[in-house]
Amino acid sequence: MFRLCLLFFLLTACRADESSQSLIDGVVIKVKDGDSLVIRDDQNQEHQLRLAFIDAPEYSQPFGSEARSNLDRWVYRKRVQAQLMDSDRYQRKVVVLHLGSTDINSEQIKAGFAWHYQHFAKGKQSSADFERYQSLEQQARQGRIGLWQEAQPVPPWDYRKAHKGN
């Protein structure tokens, strides 16, 4: 029985350590655009972050600067918690960013400054969050909020493809 309890304790301790490693706590020191930023943790280490499950307009696209400004208003110089979901080809950590209990990624969608990036969200995002992000995008579209004021807004993934090599 003692061995079983010890094994359970060790497994629980390992799991707790894994979850703490998947959360980065720090202060936002730079907002690069509507879906990427830099935070500095308590060990003075900088982390390049990309917001998971959303894609904001490129800075040179309509509403690109507004998307950046909106994210900046939410998080610049504030302590945030970044839940690590993945990493991208640019070595950025792909995260769901929280300011207290507020999901900042979804706030970008709600404000009309990002698309729900379904291509990357499928299979990685919980079904409840997937539905919530979809609903927020639909509400922003219907309300013609932010980038949805445009007659035919160009998704950033199409914009990047069209301007590749420029």
Protein backbone atom coordinates (compact mmCIF):
# COMPACT_ATOMS: atom_id res chain seq x y z
CA MET A 1 0.00 0.00 0.00
CA PHE A 2 2.85 2.37 0.89
CA ARG A 3 4.43 1.82 -2.54
CA LEU A 4 1.13 2.54 -4.28
CA CYS A 5 0.72 5.78 -2.32
CA LEU A 6 4.30 6.77 -3.09
CA LEU A 7 3.78 6.06 -6.80
CA PHE A 8 0.57 8.11 -6.80
CA PHE A 9 2.36 10.99 -5.05
CA LEU A 10 5.24 10.95 -7.54
CA LEU A 11 2.91 10.86 -10.54
CA THR A 12 0.87 13.73 -9.12
CA ALA A 13 4.02 15.77 -8.47
CA CYS A 14 5.22 15.20 -12.05
CA ARG A 15 1.87 16.29 -13.45
CA ALA A 16 1.85 19.44 -11.32
CA ASP A 17 5.34 20.26 -12.58
CA GLU A 18 4.26 19.74 -16.21
CA SER A 19 1.30 22.11 -15.86
CA SER A 20 3.41 24.80 -14.18
CA GLN A 21 5.86 24.62 -17.09
CA SER A 22 3.03 25.19 -19.56
CA LEU A 23 2.10 28.51 -17.93
CA ILE A 24 4.28 31.58 -18.35
CA ASP A 25 3.65 34.51 -16.04
CA GLY A 26 5.13 37.87 -16.93
CA VAL A 27 4.76 41.52 -17.88
CA VAL A 28 4.11 42.55 -21.48
CA ILE A 29 7.04 44.67 -22.65
CA LYS A 30 6.16 44.92 -26.35
CA VAL A 31 3.12 44.42 -28.56
CA LYS A 32 4.31 43.68 -32.09
CA ASP A 33 0.98 43.39 -33.87
CA GLY A 34 -2.58 42.21 -33.26
CA ASP A 35 -1.56 38.67 -32.38
CA SER A 36 2.07 38.71 -31.22
CA LEU A 37 3.92 40.23 -28.29
CA VAL A 38 6.84 39.87 -25.91
CA ILE A 39 6.66 39.29 -22.17
CA ARG A 40 9.36 39.31 -19.49
CA ASP A 41 9.03 36.79 -16.68
CA ASP A 42 10.21 37.13 -13.06
CA GLN A 43 13.59 35.62 -14.00
CA ASN A 44 14.04 38.51 -16.46
CA GLN A 45 13.73 36.13 -19.41
CA GLU A 46 11.92 37.39 -22.51
CA HIS A 47 9.37 35.23 -24.32
CA GLN A 48 8.20 35.81 -27.90
CA LEU A 49 4.49 34.92 -27.97
CA ARG A 50 1.91 34.34 -30.70
CA LEU A 51 -1.75 34.26 -29.73
CA ALA A 52 -3.28 30.83 -30.39
CA PHE A 53 -6.41 30.16 -32.44
CA ILE A 54 -6.66 33.67 -33.89
CA ASP A 55 -5.15 35.54 -36.82
CA ALA A 56 -5.12 39.33 -36.82
CA PRO A 57 -4.66 41.51 -39.92
CA GLU A 58 -1.06 42.12 -40.92
CA TYR A 59 0.15 45.59 -39.96
CA SER A 60 0.04 46.69 -43.64
CA GLN A 61 -3.57 45.48 -44.02
CA PRO A 62 -6.66 47.53 -43.24
CA PHE A 63 -7.24 47.41 -39.47
CA GLY A 64 -3.74 46.03 -38.84
CA SER A 65 -2.66 49.02 -36.79
CA GLU A 66 -6.02 49.10 -34.98
CA ALA A 67 -5.64 45.40 -34.09
CA ARG A 68 -2.20 46.13 -32.64
CA SER A 69 -3.51 49.16 -30.73
CA ASN A 70 -6.39 47.17 -29.26
CA LEU A 71 -4.05 44.45 -27.99
CA ASP A 72 -1.70 47.13 -26.66
CA ARG A 73 -4.54 48.79 -24.71
CA TRP A 74 -5.42 45.47 -23.10
CA VAL A 75 -2.00 44.20 -22.07
CA TYR A 76 0.96 46.58 -22.44
CA ARG A 77 2.91 46.84 -19.15
CA LYS A 78 0.44 44.50 -17.45
CA ARG A 79 1.08 41.14 -15.80
CA VAL A 80 -0.40 38.33 -17.88
CA GLN A 81 -0.52 34.56 -17.83
CA ALA A 82 0.27 32.72 -21.06
CA GLN A 83 -0.97 29.14 -21.37
CA LEU A 84 1.41 27.35 -23.73
CA MET A 85 -0.36 25.49 -26.53
CA ASP A 86 2.41 24.98 -29.10
CA SER A 87 5.36 26.70 -30.74
CA ASP A 88 5.57 27.98 -34.30
CA ARG A 89 8.18 27.91 -37.04
CA TYR A 90 9.54 31.27 -35.83
CA GLN A 91 10.28 29.78 -32.37
CA ARG A 92 7.49 31.80 -30.78
CA LYS A 93 5.42 30.20 -28.05
CA VAL A 94 1.81 29.88 -29.20
CA VAL A 95 -0.40 30.74 -26.22
CA VAL A 96 -3.80 31.59 -24.88
CA LEU A 97 -3.18 34.86 -23.07
CA HIS A 98 -5.04 35.78 -19.90
CA LEU A 99 -5.24 39.08 -18.07
CA GLY A 100 -6.77 37.90 -14.80
CA SER A 101 -9.74 35.81 -15.91
CA THR A 102 -10.05 37.53 -19.31
CA ASP A 103 -9.14 35.51 -22.42
CA ILE A 104 -7.32 38.15 -24.47
CA ASN A 105 -7.30 36.02 -27.64
CA SER A 106 -11.09 35.96 -27.67
CA GLU A 107 -11.21 39.69 -26.88
CA GLN A 108 -9.37 40.39 -30.17
CA ILE A 109 -12.09 38.45 -32.02
CA LYS A 110 -14.88 40.11 -30.04
CA ALA A 111 -13.50 43.58 -30.89
CA GLY A 112 -13.43 42.67 -34.59
CA PHE A 113 -9.64 42.67 -34.84
CA ALA A 114 -8.99 38.99 -35.53
CA TRP A 115 -10.38 35.95 -37.25
CA HIS A 116 -10.92 32.69 -35.43
CA TYR A 117 -8.11 30.68 -37.03
CA GLN A 118 -10.11 27.48 -37.46
CA HIS A 119 -7.42 25.72 -39.48
CA PHE A 120 -5.13 25.63 -36.43
CA ALA A 121 -7.88 25.51 -33.80
CA LYS A 122 -9.47 22.25 -34.96
CA GLY A 123 -8.32 19.40 -32.77
CA LYS A 124 -6.26 21.66 -30.50
CA GLN A 125 -8.88 23.97 -29.02
CA SER A 126 -11.55 22.61 -26.67
CA SER A 127 -14.93 22.25 -28.32
CA ALA A 128 -16.45 24.78 -25.89
CA ASP A 129 -13.78 27.39 -26.70
CA PHE A 130 -14.05 26.61 -30.43
CA GLU A 131 -17.80 27.31 -30.29
CA ARG A 132 -17.27 30.46 -28.20
CA TYR A 133 -14.63 31.87 -30.58
CA GLN A 134 -16.89 31.08 -33.56
CA SER A 135 -19.82 32.81 -31.89
CA LEU A 136 -17.73 35.89 -31.07
CA GLU A 137 -16.55 36.16 -34.67
CA GLN A 138 -20.12 35.79 -35.95
CA GLN A 139 -21.31 38.53 -33.59
CA ALA A 140 -18.51 40.87 -34.71
CA ARG A 141 -19.34 40.15 -38.37
CA GLN A 142 -23.05 40.78 -37.88
CA GLY A 143 -22.37 43.94 -35.89
CA ARG A 144 -19.86 45.16 -38.51
CA ILE A 145 -17.34 45.71 -35.73
CA GLY A 146 -13.68 46.44 -36.46
CA LEU A 147 -12.39 44.84 -39.65
CA TRP A 148 -15.91 43.61 -40.44
CA GLN A 149 -16.73 47.19 -41.51
CA GLU A 150 -14.89 46.34 -44.74
CA ALA A 151 -17.07 45.03 -47.57
CA GLN A 152 -14.78 42.04 -48.14
CA PRO A 153 -12.03 41.83 -45.53
CA VAL A 154 -9.05 39.75 -46.68
CA PRO A 155 -8.01 37.09 -44.18
CA PRO A 156 -4.35 37.49 -43.16
CA TRP A 157 -3.43 34.00 -44.41
CA ASP A 158 -4.66 34.99 -47.92
CA TYR A 159 -2.92 38.37 -47.66
CA ARG A 160 0.39 36.73 -46.70
CA LYS A 161 0.10 34.27 -49.57
CA ALA A 162 -0.60 37.08 -52.09
CA HIS A 163 2.33 39.19 -50.80
CA LYS A 164 4.86 36.38 -50.34
CA GLY A 165 8.26 37.46 -51.61
CA ASN A 166 7.39 41.18 -51.65
